[in-house]
Amino acid sequence: MSNNPTNSVLDVRNSSSSGGGWTNVTASNGQIYSYLYAGGNQPGNDGSVHFSVGGGNAAVTLVFADSTDARYQFQSVSFNGDNNNQLSTHGNAPRTRVINDSCTGALDGQYKVVVLDTTANATIPCDPIIKNVPGGGG
């Protein structure tokens, strides 16, 4: 089974939100922000992705929900749980990142996204998951 490219969309707000999958976090300036992922390739439509081990490279394009609001930009994308260095990022556009997964082995990790609010000069942590599943990626 080959791994198809997929998209994950991040919505960030400079206020708290409740319900509907929103996650509230404290930004570097001490203020509460909320974020919500959509897309991915899982039924929950929560930005999470699963890929098949041995199915070839898989790409996740990460973008912001509001394409017209330049307030939020990607500051960094790093990874937790990627002990075999299968994950990498490509590009450095402020509002788009591509995550590449080589899918050479099982993986249960997170891509850790730090967003910069250019208006408030604050950083916001936003963490979704990525998994490589033996025998099928769902």
N, C-alpha and C. Protein backbone atom coordinates (compact mmCIF):
# COMPACT_ATOMS: atom_id res chain seq x y z
N MET A 1 0.84 -1.18 0.00
CA MET A 1 0.00 0.00 0.00
C MET A 1 0.89 1.24 0.00
N SER A 2 0.68 2.13 -0.94
CA SER A 2 1.48 3.35 -0.99
C SER A 2 0.90 4.41 -0.06
N ASN A 3 1.75 5.32 0.35
CA ASN A 3 1.35 6.40 1.24
C ASN A 3 1.03 7.64 0.43
N ASN A 4 -0.20 8.08 0.48
CA ASN A 4 -0.63 9.26 -0.27
C ASN A 4 -0.31 10.53 0.50
N PRO A 5 0.04 11.60 -0.20
CA PRO A 5 0.23 12.89 0.47
C PRO A 5 -1.08 13.32 1.13
N THR A 6 -0.97 14.08 2.19
CA THR A 6 -2.16 14.57 2.88
C THR A 6 -1.90 15.98 3.39
N ASN A 7 -2.96 16.66 3.77
CA ASN A 7 -2.88 18.01 4.31
C ASN A 7 -3.36 18.04 5.75
N SER A 8 -2.77 18.91 6.53
CA SER A 8 -3.22 19.18 7.88
C SER A 8 -3.36 20.69 7.99
N VAL A 9 -4.46 21.15 8.57
CA VAL A 9 -4.77 22.57 8.63
C VAL A 9 -4.82 23.00 10.10
N LEU A 10 -4.13 24.08 10.43
CA LEU A 10 -4.06 24.58 11.80
C LEU A 10 -4.80 25.90 11.92
N ASP A 11 -5.73 25.95 12.86
CA ASP A 11 -6.46 27.18 13.18
C ASP A 11 -6.00 27.64 14.55
N VAL A 12 -5.51 28.86 14.65
CA VAL A 12 -5.00 29.42 15.90
C VAL A 12 -5.81 30.67 16.23
N ARG A 13 -6.14 30.81 17.53
CA ARG A 13 -6.88 32.00 17.98
C ARG A 13 -6.24 32.55 19.24
N ASN A 14 -6.29 33.87 19.39
CA ASN A 14 -5.69 34.50 20.56
C ASN A 14 -6.70 34.67 21.69
N SER A 15 -7.41 33.57 21.98
CA SER A 15 -8.37 33.51 23.08
C SER A 15 -8.59 32.04 23.41
N SER A 16 -9.20 31.78 24.55
CA SER A 16 -9.51 30.40 24.90
C SER A 16 -10.78 29.96 24.16
N SER A 17 -10.86 28.68 23.88
CA SER A 17 -12.03 28.09 23.24
C SER A 17 -12.34 26.80 23.97
N SER A 18 -13.60 26.42 23.97
CA SER A 18 -13.95 25.17 24.65
C SER A 18 -14.76 24.29 23.72
N GLY A 19 -14.55 22.98 23.86
CA GLY A 19 -15.29 22.01 23.07
C GLY A 19 -14.85 21.96 21.64
N GLY A 20 -15.39 20.99 20.92
CA GLY A 20 -15.15 20.88 19.49
C GLY A 20 -13.73 20.56 19.10
N GLY A 21 -12.92 20.04 20.02
CA GLY A 21 -11.55 19.67 19.69
C GLY A 21 -10.51 20.76 19.90
N TRP A 22 -10.92 21.94 20.34
CA TRP A 22 -9.96 23.03 20.59
C TRP A 22 -9.09 22.70 21.80
N THR A 23 -7.82 23.09 21.73
CA THR A 23 -6.88 22.92 22.83
C THR A 23 -6.42 24.30 23.27
N ASN A 24 -6.53 24.57 24.56
CA ASN A 24 -6.06 25.84 25.12
C ASN A 24 -4.64 25.67 25.62
N VAL A 25 -3.79 26.63 25.31
CA VAL A 25 -2.38 26.62 25.75
C VAL A 25 -1.99 28.02 26.19
N THR A 26 -0.94 28.09 27.00
CA THR A 26 -0.41 29.37 27.42
C THR A 26 0.77 29.72 26.51
N ALA A 27 0.70 30.88 25.91
CA ALA A 27 1.75 31.35 25.00
C ALA A 27 2.90 31.93 25.81
N SER A 28 3.98 32.26 25.12
CA SER A 28 5.18 32.79 25.78
C SER A 28 4.93 34.12 26.50
N ASN A 29 3.87 34.82 26.11
CA ASN A 29 3.55 36.10 26.77
C ASN A 29 2.59 35.93 27.95
N GLY A 30 2.28 34.67 28.31
CA GLY A 30 1.39 34.39 29.44
C GLY A 30 -0.08 34.40 29.10
N GLN A 31 -0.43 34.73 27.87
CA GLN A 31 -1.83 34.78 27.45
C GLN A 31 -2.31 33.40 26.99
N ILE A 32 -3.61 33.17 27.10
CA ILE A 32 -4.21 31.91 26.65
C ILE A 32 -4.55 32.03 25.16
N TYR A 33 -4.12 31.04 24.40
CA TYR A 33 -4.45 30.89 22.99
C TYR A 33 -5.13 29.54 22.83
N SER A 34 -5.77 29.32 21.72
CA SER A 34 -6.34 28.01 21.43
C SER A 34 -6.00 27.64 20.00
N TYR A 35 -5.93 26.32 19.77
CA TYR A 35 -5.66 25.84 18.42
C TYR A 35 -6.49 24.61 18.14
N LEU A 36 -6.71 24.37 16.85
CA LEU A 36 -7.49 23.23 16.38
C LEU A 36 -6.90 22.77 15.06
N TYR A 37 -6.60 21.47 14.98
CA TYR A 37 -6.13 20.87 13.74
C TYR A 37 -7.31 20.23 13.02
N ALA A 38 -7.29 20.30 11.71
CA ALA A 38 -8.27 19.59 10.87
C ALA A 38 -7.47 18.91 9.76
N GLY A 39 -8.13 18.04 9.05
CA GLY A 39 -7.46 17.33 7.97
C GLY A 39 -6.73 16.12 8.49
N GLY A 40 -5.61 15.79 7.86
CA GLY A 40 -4.92 14.56 8.17
C GLY A 40 -5.56 13.43 7.39
N ASN A 41 -5.25 12.19 7.77
CA ASN A 41 -5.85 11.07 7.05
C ASN A 41 -6.57 10.09 7.98
N GLN A 42 -6.98 10.59 9.14
CA GLN A 42 -7.70 9.76 10.10
C GLN A 42 -9.16 10.20 10.20
N PRO A 43 -10.06 9.28 10.57
CA PRO A 43 -11.49 9.61 10.64
C PRO A 43 -11.83 10.77 11.56
N GLY A 44 -11.00 11.03 12.57
CA GLY A 44 -11.29 12.12 13.50
C GLY A 44 -11.13 13.50 12.91
N ASN A 45 -10.54 13.62 11.70
CA ASN A 45 -10.34 14.91 11.05
C ASN A 45 -9.65 15.90 12.00
N ASP A 46 -8.63 15.40 12.73
CA ASP A 46 -7.98 16.21 13.75
C ASP A 46 -6.51 16.51 13.44
N GLY A 47 -6.14 16.37 12.16
CA GLY A 47 -4.77 16.65 11.75
C GLY A 47 -3.82 15.50 11.94
N SER A 48 -4.26 14.43 12.61
CA SER A 48 -3.35 13.31 12.83
C SER A 48 -3.23 12.46 11.57
N VAL A 49 -2.08 11.83 11.42
CA VAL A 49 -1.81 11.03 10.24
C VAL A 49 -1.20 9.70 10.63
N HIS A 50 -1.57 8.67 9.89
CA HIS A 50 -0.98 7.34 10.01
C HIS A 50 -0.55 6.93 8.61
N PHE A 51 0.64 6.35 8.52
CA PHE A 51 1.15 5.89 7.23
C PHE A 51 1.63 4.45 7.37
N SER A 52 1.72 3.77 6.25
CA SER A 52 2.15 2.37 6.22
C SER A 52 3.67 2.27 6.19
N VAL A 53 4.20 1.41 7.06
CA VAL A 53 5.62 1.12 7.01
C VAL A 53 5.92 0.43 5.68
N GLY A 54 6.95 0.90 4.99
CA GLY A 54 7.32 0.32 3.72
C GLY A 54 6.49 0.80 2.54
N GLY A 55 5.60 1.76 2.77
CA GLY A 55 4.73 2.27 1.70
C GLY A 55 5.33 3.42 0.93
N GLY A 56 6.59 3.72 1.16
CA GLY A 56 7.23 4.84 0.47
C GLY A 56 7.09 6.12 1.25
N ASN A 57 7.83 7.13 0.84
CA ASN A 57 7.78 8.42 1.52
C ASN A 57 6.36 8.98 1.54
N ALA A 58 6.04 9.64 2.64
CA ALA A 58 4.73 10.28 2.79
C ALA A 58 4.95 11.74 3.14
N ALA A 59 4.16 12.61 2.56
CA ALA A 59 4.27 14.05 2.81
C ALA A 59 3.00 14.58 3.44
N VAL A 60 3.18 15.42 4.45
CA VAL A 60 2.07 16.12 5.09
C VAL A 60 2.32 17.61 4.87
N THR A 61 1.42 18.28 4.17
CA THR A 61 1.52 19.72 3.99
C THR A 61 0.72 20.39 5.10
N LEU A 62 1.38 21.22 5.88
CA LEU A 62 0.78 21.90 7.02
C LEU A 62 0.58 23.37 6.67
N VAL A 63 -0.67 23.83 6.77
CA VAL A 63 -1.02 25.22 6.45
C VAL A 63 -1.94 25.78 7.54
N PHE A 64 -2.11 27.08 7.52
CA PHE A 64 -3.04 27.73 8.45
C PHE A 64 -4.44 27.78 7.85
N ALA A 65 -5.44 27.74 8.72
CA ALA A 65 -6.84 27.73 8.29
C ALA A 65 -7.22 29.02 7.55
N ASP A 66 -6.79 30.15 8.06
CA ASP A 66 -7.12 31.43 7.43
C ASP A 66 -5.95 31.86 6.55
N SER A 67 -6.10 31.67 5.28
CA SER A 67 -5.00 31.97 4.35
C SER A 67 -4.76 33.46 4.15
N THR A 68 -5.67 34.30 4.64
CA THR A 68 -5.53 35.75 4.43
C THR A 68 -4.96 36.48 5.64
N ASP A 69 -4.89 35.81 6.82
CA ASP A 69 -4.42 36.45 8.04
C ASP A 69 -2.96 36.09 8.27
N ALA A 70 -2.06 37.02 8.01
CA ALA A 70 -0.63 36.76 8.14
C ALA A 70 -0.12 36.90 9.56
N ARG A 71 -1.03 37.12 10.53
CA ARG A 71 -0.63 37.29 11.93
C ARG A 71 0.15 36.09 12.45
N TYR A 72 -0.31 34.89 12.08
CA TYR A 72 0.32 33.66 12.58
C TYR A 72 1.27 33.08 11.54
N GLN A 73 2.46 32.69 12.01
CA GLN A 73 3.46 32.11 11.14
C GLN A 73 4.12 30.94 11.86
N PHE A 74 4.62 29.98 11.08
CA PHE A 74 5.34 28.87 11.67
C PHE A 74 6.72 29.36 12.10
N GLN A 75 7.04 29.16 13.37
CA GLN A 75 8.38 29.50 13.83
C GLN A 75 9.29 28.28 13.72
N SER A 76 8.75 27.11 14.12
CA SER A 76 9.56 25.89 14.02
C SER A 76 8.66 24.66 14.01
N VAL A 77 9.20 23.57 13.46
CA VAL A 77 8.57 22.26 13.52
C VAL A 77 9.67 21.29 13.94
N SER A 78 9.43 20.60 15.05
CA SER A 78 10.38 19.59 15.52
C SER A 78 9.60 18.31 15.80
N PHE A 79 10.30 17.28 16.25
CA PHE A 79 9.65 15.97 16.39
C PHE A 79 10.00 15.33 17.72
N ASN A 80 9.03 14.66 18.33
CA ASN A 80 9.23 13.83 19.51
C ASN A 80 8.92 12.40 19.12
N GLY A 81 9.68 11.45 19.64
CA GLY A 81 9.41 10.04 19.40
C GLY A 81 9.94 9.52 18.08
N ASP A 82 10.70 10.31 17.36
CA ASP A 82 11.25 9.89 16.07
C ASP A 82 12.67 9.38 16.28
N ASN A 83 12.79 8.23 16.94
CA ASN A 83 14.10 7.71 17.33
C ASN A 83 14.96 7.27 16.14
N ASN A 84 14.35 6.97 14.98
CA ASN A 84 15.10 6.53 13.81
C ASN A 84 15.23 7.61 12.74
N ASN A 85 14.93 8.85 13.11
CA ASN A 85 15.07 10.00 12.20
C ASN A 85 14.36 9.80 10.87
N GLN A 86 13.09 9.40 10.93
CA GLN A 86 12.29 9.23 9.72
C GLN A 86 11.59 10.51 9.29
N LEU A 87 11.47 11.47 10.20
CA LEU A 87 10.71 12.69 9.93
C LEU A 87 11.64 13.87 9.66
N SER A 88 11.26 14.70 8.71
CA SER A 88 12.00 15.92 8.41
C SER A 88 11.03 16.96 7.87
N THR A 89 11.44 18.22 7.93
CA THR A 89 10.62 19.29 7.36
C THR A 89 11.32 19.86 6.14
N HIS A 90 10.50 20.37 5.23
CA HIS A 90 11.02 20.99 4.01
C HIS A 90 10.36 22.35 3.85
N GLY A 91 11.13 23.28 3.41
CA GLY A 91 10.62 24.63 3.18
C GLY A 91 10.72 25.47 4.44
N ASN A 92 10.68 26.76 4.25
CA ASN A 92 10.69 27.67 5.39
C ASN A 92 9.75 28.85 5.16
N ALA A 93 8.74 28.64 4.33
CA ALA A 93 7.74 29.69 4.12
C ALA A 93 7.04 29.96 5.46
N PRO A 94 6.72 31.19 5.75
CA PRO A 94 6.15 31.51 7.05
C PRO A 94 4.80 30.82 7.33
N ARG A 95 4.07 30.45 6.27
CA ARG A 95 2.72 29.94 6.50
C ARG A 95 2.48 28.54 5.92
N THR A 96 3.54 27.87 5.48
CA THR A 96 3.42 26.51 4.95
C THR A 96 4.66 25.71 5.33
N ARG A 97 4.44 24.49 5.77
CA ARG A 97 5.55 23.55 6.01
C ARG A 97 5.16 22.21 5.42
N VAL A 98 6.14 21.47 4.94
CA VAL A 98 5.92 20.11 4.47
C VAL A 98 6.73 19.19 5.37
N ILE A 99 6.05 18.20 5.93
CA ILE A 99 6.69 17.20 6.77
C ILE A 99 6.82 15.94 5.93
N ASN A 100 8.03 15.41 5.84
CA ASN A 100 8.28 14.18 5.09
C ASN A 100 8.51 13.05 6.08
N ASP A 101 7.89 11.92 5.81
CA ASP A 101 8.05 10.72 6.62
C ASP A 101 8.56 9.62 5.71
N SER A 102 9.75 9.08 6.00
CA SER A 102 10.32 8.04 5.14
C SER A 102 9.61 6.70 5.29
N CYS A 103 8.87 6.51 6.38
CA CYS A 103 8.05 5.30 6.61
C CYS A 103 8.87 4.01 6.54
N THR A 104 10.11 4.06 7.03
CA THR A 104 10.96 2.88 6.98
C THR A 104 10.77 1.96 8.19
N GLY A 105 10.07 2.42 9.22
CA GLY A 105 9.82 1.61 10.40
C GLY A 105 8.66 2.15 11.20
N ALA A 106 8.23 1.36 12.18
CA ALA A 106 7.13 1.80 13.04
C ALA A 106 7.53 3.08 13.78
N LEU A 107 6.56 3.95 13.97
CA LEU A 107 6.81 5.25 14.60
C LEU A 107 5.55 5.67 15.33
N ASP A 108 5.71 6.13 16.56
CA ASP A 108 4.61 6.70 17.32
C ASP A 108 5.14 8.00 17.90
N GLY A 109 4.96 9.07 17.17
CA GLY A 109 5.55 10.34 17.59
C GLY A 109 4.64 11.52 17.34
N GLN A 110 5.18 12.68 17.64
CA GLN A 110 4.46 13.94 17.44
C GLN A 110 5.31 14.90 16.63
N TYR A 111 4.62 15.69 15.78
CA TYR A 111 5.32 16.85 15.24
C TYR A 111 4.92 18.02 16.12
N LYS A 112 5.91 18.69 16.64
CA LYS A 112 5.71 19.79 17.57
C LYS A 112 5.86 21.10 16.81
N VAL A 113 4.79 21.79 16.68
CA VAL A 113 4.74 23.03 15.92
C VAL A 113 4.74 24.20 16.90
N VAL A 114 5.62 25.16 16.65
CA VAL A 114 5.60 26.40 17.42
C VAL A 114 5.21 27.50 16.45
N VAL A 115 4.15 28.20 16.81
CA VAL A 115 3.59 29.27 15.98
C VAL A 115 3.97 30.61 16.59
N LEU A 116 4.30 31.56 15.74
CA LEU A 116 4.60 32.92 16.18
C LEU A 116 3.40 33.81 15.88
N ASP A 117 2.92 34.50 16.91
CA ASP A 117 1.93 35.55 16.73
C ASP A 117 2.72 36.83 16.50
N THR A 118 2.77 37.29 15.26
CA THR A 118 3.60 38.43 14.92
C THR A 118 3.06 39.74 15.49
N THR A 119 1.77 39.78 15.81
CA THR A 119 1.18 40.99 16.39
C THR A 119 1.57 41.13 17.85
N ALA A 120 1.51 40.04 18.61
CA ALA A 120 1.82 40.06 20.04
C ALA A 120 3.26 39.67 20.33
N ASN A 121 4.02 39.27 19.31
CA ASN A 121 5.38 38.78 19.46
C ASN A 121 5.44 37.68 20.52
N ALA A 122 4.56 36.68 20.36
CA ALA A 122 4.48 35.57 21.31
C ALA A 122 4.50 34.25 20.55
N THR A 123 5.03 33.21 21.18
CA THR A 123 5.04 31.88 20.56
C THR A 123 4.00 30.99 21.23
N ILE A 124 3.40 30.11 20.41
CA ILE A 124 2.31 29.23 20.84
C ILE A 124 2.66 27.80 20.48
N PRO A 125 2.71 26.87 21.45
CA PRO A 125 3.00 25.46 21.13
C PRO A 125 1.73 24.75 20.66
N CYS A 126 1.83 24.00 19.55
CA CYS A 126 0.69 23.28 18.96
C CYS A 126 1.16 21.89 18.51
N ASP A 127 0.74 20.82 19.19
CA ASP A 127 1.31 19.49 18.97
C ASP A 127 0.30 18.45 18.50
N PRO A 128 0.37 18.01 17.23
CA PRO A 128 -0.44 16.87 16.77
C PRO A 128 0.40 15.60 16.69
N ILE A 129 -0.20 14.49 16.23
CA ILE A 129 0.50 13.21 16.20
C ILE A 129 0.77 12.72 14.79
N ILE A 130 1.72 11.81 14.69
CA ILE A 130 2.01 11.13 13.43
C ILE A 130 2.44 9.71 13.78
N LYS A 131 1.90 8.72 13.07
CA LYS A 131 2.23 7.32 13.35
C LYS A 131 2.50 6.58 12.05
N ASN A 132 3.42 5.64 12.13
CA ASN A 132 3.64 4.67 11.05
C ASN A 132 3.18 3.33 11.60
N VAL A 133 2.22 2.73 10.92
CA VAL A 133 1.58 1.52 11.41
C VAL A 133 1.98 0.34 10.54
N PRO A 134 2.59 -0.70 11.11
CA PRO A 134 2.91 -1.89 10.32
C PRO A 134 1.65 -2.49 9.72
N GLY A 135 1.72 -2.85 8.46
CA GLY A 135 0.61 -3.54 7.81
C GLY A 135 -0.51 -2.67 7.33
N GLY A 136 -0.45 -1.39 7.48
CA GLY A 136 -1.51 -0.52 6.96
C GLY A 136 -1.57 0.78 7.71
N GLY A 137 -1.84 1.85 7.00
CA GLY A 137 -1.80 3.17 7.60
C GLY A 137 -3.15 3.76 7.89
N GLY A 138 -4.21 3.07 7.59
CA GLY A 138 -5.53 3.58 7.93
C GLY A 138 -5.94 4.66 7.04
